[in-house]
Amino acid sequence: MRIGPMMYGAALIAAGLSATPALAQDAPPADAPAATETKADAGQNVAKPAEDAEEPTKPFTFELGLAGVSDYRFRGISLSDKDPAFQPSFTVSHQSGFYASVWGSNVAENDGDDIEVDLIGGFATTVNDFDLDVNATYYVYPGAKELNYVEFIGTLSHAVGPATVGGTFAFTPKQDDAAPKRGIYYAINGELPLGKSGISLTASYGIEDNAFYRHKRDWSLGVSGEVLGFSLGAAYVDTAHTGGDPLGKAGVVVSISRAFEF
């Protein structure tokens, strides 16, 4: 819910395409692999040769992400005044599922501030083939601290045939001028691979209620794929019930990103 509004996640479907922010963001770290054990050869009280043993699981993984978008859309609203944005991120994940992340983007000038930094702490796991992620995200605007606020976000996704279907629920408690009223956002999203082409269809639909919007709608429809290690995407994004906000008018968002794990 930002002033004018905020962030997405999504992330590029929302963000809270969603996103996240989504979001919204909008992407949790991969599930940590289970710990490995050294097993003795059958009938012998000795360990397998070192060359046959699996490497121990690293307790921590680190990921650097670099992304560029033609328009920074958060839940359907442009926060970059429909200009391009650069969005780096850094995530530290523990094999237990806990993670911490820092994500940034340029935004349209906001009371003298043109930078957004999201500080995220959360937990991601898989339960009965459902991928679950819960986190707290603190949106920070250096130089305009009156706009800072925290939001609590949960996402759940599951494979349905070749497709993946997910849902997002975000709650913003009342916080000074940045969030003078409690806010909620909920959305559904999906991804469908097109055979073995390496291309997927993506879609999302969200509803937002807070001090700035009542029953606002946002939706997107796009395609995504990978080329030479880069993730590419293009999506049509639109909104309704925004009070005529010109930053919510329909548009096409193009994105490119790459992640480096170490």
Foldseek 3Di string as FASTA:
>chain_A
DFVVHDFPLLVCFFCVLHHDLVVVVVDADDAADDFDDFDCDPPDPDTDPPVPDDDTGDQKKKKKKKKKKQFGDHRLFTFALSHIKIKIKMKMAGNQFKIWMKIKIFGHQDVNFGIKIKTKIWGWDADPQKTKIKIKIWIATPPCRQQIFIKIKIKIWHDDDQKIKMKMKMWGPDDHPNFNWIKIKMKIKMWHDDPPPQKIKIKMKMFIDGPQFHRKIKMKIWMWGDDPQKIKIKIWIAIPRRVPSPSNHIDMMIMIMHMDMD
